Amino acid sequence: MSASGSKAAIFAALGANAGITVAKFVGAVITGSSSMMAEAIHSVADTGNQGLLLIGQKRSEHEPDAKHPFGYGRNRYFYAFVVALVLFTLGSLVAIHDGINKIRDPEHLEQPFVAIAILLVALCLESYSLRTGMRESRALKGRGSWWAFIRDSRNPELPVVLLEDSGALIGLSFAFAGVGLTALTGNPVWDGVGTLAIGVLLGCIAVVLIVEMKSLLIGEGATPDEEAAILANLRGGGIDQVLGLRTEYLAPDQLMVAAKIIVAPPMTAGEIGDAINQAEARVRAVVPAVDVVYLEPDIYRPERR
């Protein structure tokens, strides 16, 4: 997949989060709300996330060289992993620590309606960012669920943006509940509870992203549908069987395919070469992400059946 769709989602999230961050910090200073401060820190982390994802995409565009003959596409996986491991986890720990302190030593909340107004504006901006991410992801998602897309996608940026924006909307509801209950009851403990809930939410998102990005960074193969299409299109044109198919995503838009193929005699070396070239062309036509193909020909022997 081209990175253009991912960039559109990243820039939408970056713009929304940058504006939200400033508003939340202003609201936190005015009201003294720990929930608002936790959300501000959350937005700082989100804004940093977008910057790291863009850096990963930029560095992935470096041309292959002697040291990295398959290119630098894994940079996109590495920076997405950094986002999951550092920024989300850091935001979670800070929010949990602040929430526990506010529950133990609650502080009076000043002008809670200012915080509520800012949270409502943030809700609108985050909804826009999430809608953009969903629109850019829809072509890759297909008919499966959004959760299946996050688990199975070989694109690292879109799952990060979707989980981040979904988490932001849920976190805003926690902050809204904490500030609202504090205003209604006069008990500032609820503000700390909202902060703690935001921290736990960020921790859950961090765990999901760490697991998924680690798997991509190590190297995932083609999806079941892609593998079936590759097998179906390798056969034919003189290729009788396909043995030991192996695939791996070197980057979100760079799939490597390796297999031993059985050719039916009598075929000359030239005919085998033509059959391999035709098979590669068929595979690339049905799975555009296929970039590198290694096919090892062998001669048909009846006993192998």
Protein backbone atom coordinates (compact mmCIF):
# COMPACT_ATOMS: atom_id res chain seq x y z
CA MET A 1 0.00 0.00 0.00
CA SER A 2 1.13 3.55 -0.77
CA ALA A 3 1.95 5.68 2.24
CA SER A 4 -0.26 8.52 0.97
CA GLY A 5 -3.38 7.24 2.73
CA SER A 6 -1.45 6.80 5.95
CA LYS A 7 -0.05 10.33 5.68
CA ALA A 8 -3.52 11.82 5.27
CA ALA A 9 -4.66 10.11 8.47
CA ILE A 10 -1.47 11.13 10.31
CA PHE A 11 -1.73 14.80 9.30
CA ALA A 12 -5.40 14.91 10.29
CA ALA A 13 -4.53 13.48 13.72
CA LEU A 14 -1.51 15.79 14.05
CA GLY A 15 -3.54 18.94 13.36
CA ALA A 16 -6.34 17.91 15.71
CA ASN A 17 -4.02 16.90 18.53
CA ALA A 18 -1.85 20.01 18.32
CA GLY A 19 -4.88 22.29 18.79
CA ILE A 20 -6.39 20.07 21.46
CA THR A 21 -3.13 19.97 23.43
CA VAL A 22 -2.97 23.75 23.80
CA ALA A 23 -6.64 23.99 24.79
CA LYS A 24 -6.33 21.21 27.38
CA PHE A 25 -3.28 22.72 29.04
CA VAL A 26 -5.02 26.11 29.26
CA GLY A 27 -8.08 24.39 30.75
CA ALA A 28 -5.94 22.42 33.23
CA VAL A 29 -4.22 25.60 34.45
CA ILE A 30 -7.50 27.49 34.82
CA THR A 31 -9.46 24.71 36.54
CA GLY A 32 -6.76 22.75 38.36
CA SER A 33 -8.34 19.54 37.03
CA SER A 34 -6.09 16.46 37.12
CA SER A 35 -8.34 14.78 34.54
CA MET A 36 -7.80 17.71 32.22
CA MET A 37 -4.04 17.62 32.86
CA ALA A 38 -3.98 13.87 32.14
CA GLU A 39 -5.81 14.49 28.89
CA ALA A 40 -3.35 17.28 28.03
CA ILE A 41 -0.43 14.90 28.58
CA HIS A 42 -2.29 12.30 26.52
CA SER A 43 -2.59 14.82 23.68
CA VAL A 44 1.12 15.69 23.93
CA ALA A 45 1.88 11.99 23.54
CA ASP A 46 -0.52 11.74 20.60
CA THR A 47 1.07 14.73 18.87
CA GLY A 48 4.52 13.21 19.37
CA ASN A 49 3.16 9.96 17.94
CA GLN A 50 2.27 11.61 14.66
CA GLY A 51 5.72 13.17 14.40
CA LEU A 52 7.42 9.82 14.94
CA LEU A 53 5.20 8.09 12.38
CA LEU A 54 6.05 10.75 9.80
CA ILE A 55 9.77 10.36 10.54
CA GLY A 56 9.41 6.60 10.05
CA GLN A 57 7.74 7.09 6.68
CA LYS A 58 10.40 9.57 5.56
CA ARG A 59 13.29 7.29 6.53
CA SER A 60 11.63 4.29 4.91
CA GLU A 61 11.96 6.05 1.54
CA HIS A 62 15.78 5.79 1.49
CA GLU A 63 17.04 3.82 -1.49
CA PRO A 64 18.46 0.30 -0.95
CA ASP A 65 22.22 0.11 -0.50
CA ALA A 66 24.90 -2.51 0.08
CA LYS A 67 24.17 -2.65 3.81
CA HIS A 68 20.38 -2.79 3.39
CA PRO A 69 19.76 -4.46 0.01
CA PHE A 70 16.01 -4.75 0.64
CA GLY A 71 15.69 -1.07 1.52
CA TYR A 72 14.64 0.77 4.67
CA GLY A 73 10.92 -0.01 4.70
CA ARG A 74 11.08 -1.53 8.20
CA ASN A 75 11.63 1.98 9.57
CA ARG A 76 7.85 2.34 9.48
CA TYR A 77 7.49 -0.67 11.77
CA PHE A 78 10.30 0.47 14.07
CA TYR A 79 8.93 3.97 14.66
CA ALA A 80 5.42 2.63 15.20
CA PHE A 81 6.88 0.29 17.82
CA VAL A 82 8.61 3.26 19.50
CA VAL A 83 5.26 5.08 19.57
CA ALA A 84 3.63 2.11 21.27
CA LEU A 85 6.44 1.37 23.70
CA VAL A 86 7.51 4.84 24.84
CA LEU A 87 4.85 7.46 24.28
CA PHE A 88 1.73 5.47 25.12
CA THR A 89 3.35 3.76 28.08
CA LEU A 90 4.84 7.03 29.36
CA GLY A 91 1.44 8.72 29.09
CA SER A 92 -0.17 5.83 30.95
CA LEU A 93 2.31 5.86 33.85
CA VAL A 94 2.10 9.64 34.27
CA ALA A 95 -1.70 9.60 34.30
CA ILE A 96 -1.90 6.67 36.74
CA HIS A 97 0.59 8.32 39.09
CA ASP A 98 -1.26 11.64 38.96
CA GLY A 99 -4.65 9.96 39.44
CA ILE A 100 -3.52 8.06 42.53
CA ASN A 101 -2.07 11.24 44.04
CA LYS A 102 -5.30 13.16 43.37
CA ILE A 103 -7.40 10.43 44.98
CA ARG A 104 -5.17 10.39 48.05
CA ASP A 105 -4.93 14.19 48.27
CA PRO A 106 -7.89 15.71 46.34
CA GLU A 107 -7.79 19.37 45.35
CA HIS A 108 -10.69 21.75 44.77
CA LEU A 109 -11.71 22.18 41.12
CA GLU A 110 -11.94 25.77 39.84
CA GLN A 111 -14.42 26.73 37.08
CA PRO A 112 -15.28 23.18 35.98
CA PHE A 113 -17.51 24.42 33.17
CA VAL A 114 -14.42 25.80 31.40
CA ALA A 115 -13.01 22.27 31.39
CA ILE A 116 -16.30 20.84 30.13
CA ALA A 117 -16.40 23.33 27.26
CA ILE A 118 -12.82 22.49 26.22
CA LEU A 119 -13.54 18.76 26.41
CA LEU A 120 -16.53 19.17 24.11
CA VAL A 121 -14.39 21.01 21.54
CA ALA A 122 -11.75 18.27 21.84
CA LEU A 123 -14.45 15.65 21.31
CA CYS A 124 -15.39 17.25 17.98
CA LEU A 125 -11.76 17.46 16.79
CA GLU A 126 -10.95 13.89 17.80
CA SER A 127 -14.10 12.66 16.04
CA TYR A 128 -12.90 14.37 12.85
CA SER A 129 -9.48 12.76 13.17
CA LEU A 130 -10.98 9.30 13.78
CA ARG A 131 -13.33 9.68 10.81
CA THR A 132 -10.37 10.56 8.57
CA GLY A 133 -8.43 7.52 9.77
CA MET A 134 -11.40 5.25 9.17
CA ARG A 135 -11.90 6.64 5.67
CA GLU A 136 -8.27 6.06 4.73
CA SER A 137 -8.35 2.54 6.24
CA ARG A 138 -11.57 1.37 4.62
CA ALA A 139 -9.96 0.12 1.39
CA LEU A 140 -7.52 -2.05 3.37
CA LYS A 141 -10.11 -3.17 5.91
CA GLY A 142 -12.41 -4.88 3.41
CA ARG A 143 -15.38 -6.70 4.89
CA GLY A 144 -13.73 -7.65 8.17
CA SER A 145 -14.22 -5.92 11.51
CA TRP A 146 -12.15 -2.97 12.64
CA TRP A 147 -10.59 -5.11 15.36
CA ALA A 148 -9.56 -7.69 12.74
CA PHE A 149 -8.04 -4.90 10.66
CA ILE A 150 -5.96 -3.67 13.61
CA ARG A 151 -4.80 -7.24 14.33
CA ASP A 152 -4.12 -8.30 10.72
CA SER A 153 -3.04 -5.13 8.89
CA ARG A 154 0.54 -4.98 7.63
CA ASN A 155 0.29 -1.19 7.63
CA PRO A 156 1.66 0.12 10.95
CA GLU A 157 0.44 3.73 10.92
CA LEU A 158 -3.28 3.30 10.39
CA PRO A 159 -3.86 0.91 13.34
CA VAL A 160 -1.86 3.29 15.56
CA VAL A 161 -3.96 6.29 14.49
CA LEU A 162 -7.24 4.37 14.84
CA LEU A 163 -6.43 3.07 18.31
CA GLU A 164 -5.04 6.43 19.38
CA ASP A 165 -8.12 8.36 18.25
CA SER A 166 -10.52 5.77 19.67
CA GLY A 167 -8.62 5.87 22.95
CA ALA A 168 -8.71 9.66 22.91
CA LEU A 169 -12.50 9.68 22.56
CA ILE A 170 -12.91 7.20 25.42
CA GLY A 171 -10.39 9.16 27.49
CA LEU A 172 -12.37 12.35 26.89
CA SER A 173 -15.48 10.63 28.19
CA PHE A 174 -13.56 9.63 31.34
CA ALA A 175 -12.33 13.19 31.81
CA PHE A 176 -15.82 14.56 31.17
CA ALA A 177 -17.26 12.15 33.76
CA GLY A 178 -14.58 13.03 36.31
CA VAL A 179 -15.02 16.78 35.93
CA GLY A 180 -18.81 16.52 35.71
CA LEU A 181 -19.18 14.39 38.83
CA THR A 182 -16.81 16.70 40.70
CA ALA A 183 -18.92 19.71 39.73
CA LEU A 184 -22.19 17.96 40.66
CA THR A 185 -21.09 16.43 43.97
CA GLY A 186 -18.43 18.90 45.06
CA ASN A 187 -16.13 15.93 45.73
CA PRO A 188 -12.78 16.35 43.85
CA VAL A 189 -11.99 12.66 44.29
CA TRP A 190 -13.99 11.99 41.12
CA ASP A 191 -11.49 14.08 39.15
CA GLY A 192 -8.72 11.77 40.35
CA VAL A 193 -10.79 8.71 39.46
CA GLY A 194 -11.20 10.06 35.93
CA THR A 195 -7.44 10.60 35.70
CA LEU A 196 -6.73 7.06 36.88
CA ALA A 197 -9.18 5.64 34.34
CA ILE A 198 -7.41 7.53 31.54
CA GLY A 199 -4.08 6.06 32.65
CA VAL A 200 -5.44 2.50 32.67
CA LEU A 201 -6.96 3.07 29.22
CA LEU A 202 -3.62 4.25 27.81
CA GLY A 203 -1.91 1.24 29.35
CA CYS A 204 -4.33 -1.15 27.61
CA ILE A 205 -3.79 0.59 24.27
CA ALA A 206 -0.03 0.42 24.82
CA VAL A 207 -0.12 -3.35 25.38
CA VAL A 208 -2.17 -3.98 22.21
CA LEU A 209 0.10 -1.79 20.08
CA ILE A 210 3.32 -3.21 21.52
CA VAL A 211 2.19 -6.76 20.69
CA GLU A 212 1.07 -5.89 17.17
CA MET A 213 4.06 -3.69 16.25
CA LYS A 214 6.54 -6.23 17.65
CA SER A 215 5.00 -8.88 15.40
CA LEU A 216 5.32 -6.60 12.35
CA LEU A 217 8.89 -5.66 13.25
CA ILE A 218 9.94 -9.31 13.53
CA GLY A 219 8.31 -10.03 10.18
CA GLU A 220 4.82 -11.21 9.20
CA GLY A 221 3.90 -13.20 6.13
CA ALA A 222 1.16 -12.67 3.58
CA THR A 223 -2.45 -12.78 4.75
CA PRO A 224 -4.36 -16.03 4.10
CA ASP A 225 -6.19 -14.46 1.15
CA GLU A 226 -2.93 -13.18 -0.33
CA GLU A 227 -1.22 -16.54 0.11
CA ALA A 228 -4.11 -18.34 -1.60
CA ALA A 229 -3.94 -15.89 -4.51
CA ILE A 230 -0.16 -16.32 -4.79
CA LEU A 231 -0.43 -20.13 -4.87
CA ALA A 232 -3.22 -20.09 -7.42
CA ASN A 233 -1.30 -17.80 -9.79
CA LEU A 234 2.07 -19.49 -9.46
CA ARG A 235 0.60 -22.70 -10.88
CA GLY A 236 0.03 -23.04 -14.60
CA GLY A 237 2.02 -22.27 -17.73
CA GLY A 238 4.31 -25.25 -17.20
CA ILE A 239 4.49 -25.01 -13.40
CA ASP A 240 2.88 -28.17 -12.05
CA GLN A 241 3.28 -27.80 -8.27
CA VAL A 242 4.39 -25.29 -5.66
CA LEU A 243 6.36 -26.57 -2.67
CA GLY A 244 7.47 -24.78 0.49
CA LEU A 245 5.98 -21.35 -0.14
CA ARG A 246 7.42 -18.68 2.18
CA THR A 247 6.38 -15.04 2.34
CA GLU A 248 7.39 -12.06 4.46
CA TYR A 249 6.55 -8.36 4.49
CA LEU A 250 9.79 -6.40 4.30
CA ALA A 251 7.71 -3.21 4.44
CA PRO A 252 3.96 -2.46 4.26
CA ASP A 253 4.15 -2.31 0.45
CA GLN A 254 7.03 -4.76 -0.11
CA LEU A 255 6.18 -8.48 0.10
CA MET A 256 8.86 -11.10 -0.53
CA VAL A 257 7.83 -14.48 -2.02
CA ALA A 258 10.06 -17.56 -2.14
CA ALA A 259 9.08 -21.09 -3.24
CA LYS A 260 10.27 -24.26 -4.91
CA ILE A 261 8.28 -25.00 -8.06
CA ILE A 262 7.90 -28.28 -9.94
CA VAL A 263 8.00 -27.99 -13.74
CA ALA A 264 6.64 -30.71 -15.98
CA PRO A 265 9.14 -32.14 -18.55
CA PRO A 266 10.05 -31.88 -21.28
CA MET A 267 10.95 -28.17 -20.82
CA THR A 268 14.10 -26.45 -21.93
CA ALA A 269 15.96 -23.97 -19.71
CA GLY A 270 14.54 -21.13 -21.79
CA GLU A 271 10.99 -22.43 -21.40
CA ILE A 272 11.46 -22.76 -17.62
CA GLY A 273 12.71 -19.17 -17.49
CA ASP A 274 9.68 -17.97 -19.46
CA ALA A 275 7.33 -19.93 -17.16
CA ILE A 276 8.90 -18.32 -14.09
CA ASN A 277 8.65 -14.82 -15.55
CA GLN A 278 5.00 -15.36 -16.47
CA ALA A 279 4.22 -16.71 -12.99
CA GLU A 280 5.85 -13.65 -11.37
CA ALA A 281 3.78 -11.35 -13.57
CA ARG A 282 0.55 -13.16 -12.65
CA VAL A 283 1.34 -12.98 -8.94
CA ARG A 284 2.17 -9.26 -9.03
CA ALA A 285 -1.04 -8.58 -10.93
CA VAL A 286 -3.24 -10.07 -8.18
CA VAL A 287 -1.11 -9.05 -5.15
CA PRO A 288 0.42 -5.62 -5.95
CA ALA A 289 2.48 -5.63 -2.73
CA VAL A 290 4.66 -8.47 -4.10
CA ASP A 291 8.06 -6.95 -4.78
CA VAL A 292 10.76 -9.62 -4.50
CA VAL A 293 10.16 -13.13 -5.92
CA TYR A 294 12.55 -16.09 -5.68
CA LEU A 295 11.44 -19.29 -7.44
CA GLU A 296 13.59 -22.44 -7.39
CA PRO A 297 12.64 -24.80 -10.25
CA ASP A 298 12.81 -28.59 -9.96
CA ILE A 299 11.83 -31.38 -12.35
CA TYR A 300 8.56 -33.30 -11.99
CA ARG A 301 8.88 -36.81 -10.56
CA PRO A 302 5.72 -38.97 -10.27
CA GLU A 303 6.80 -40.49 -6.94
CA ARG A 304 6.57 -37.03 -5.28
CA ARG A 305 2.81 -37.12 -5.46
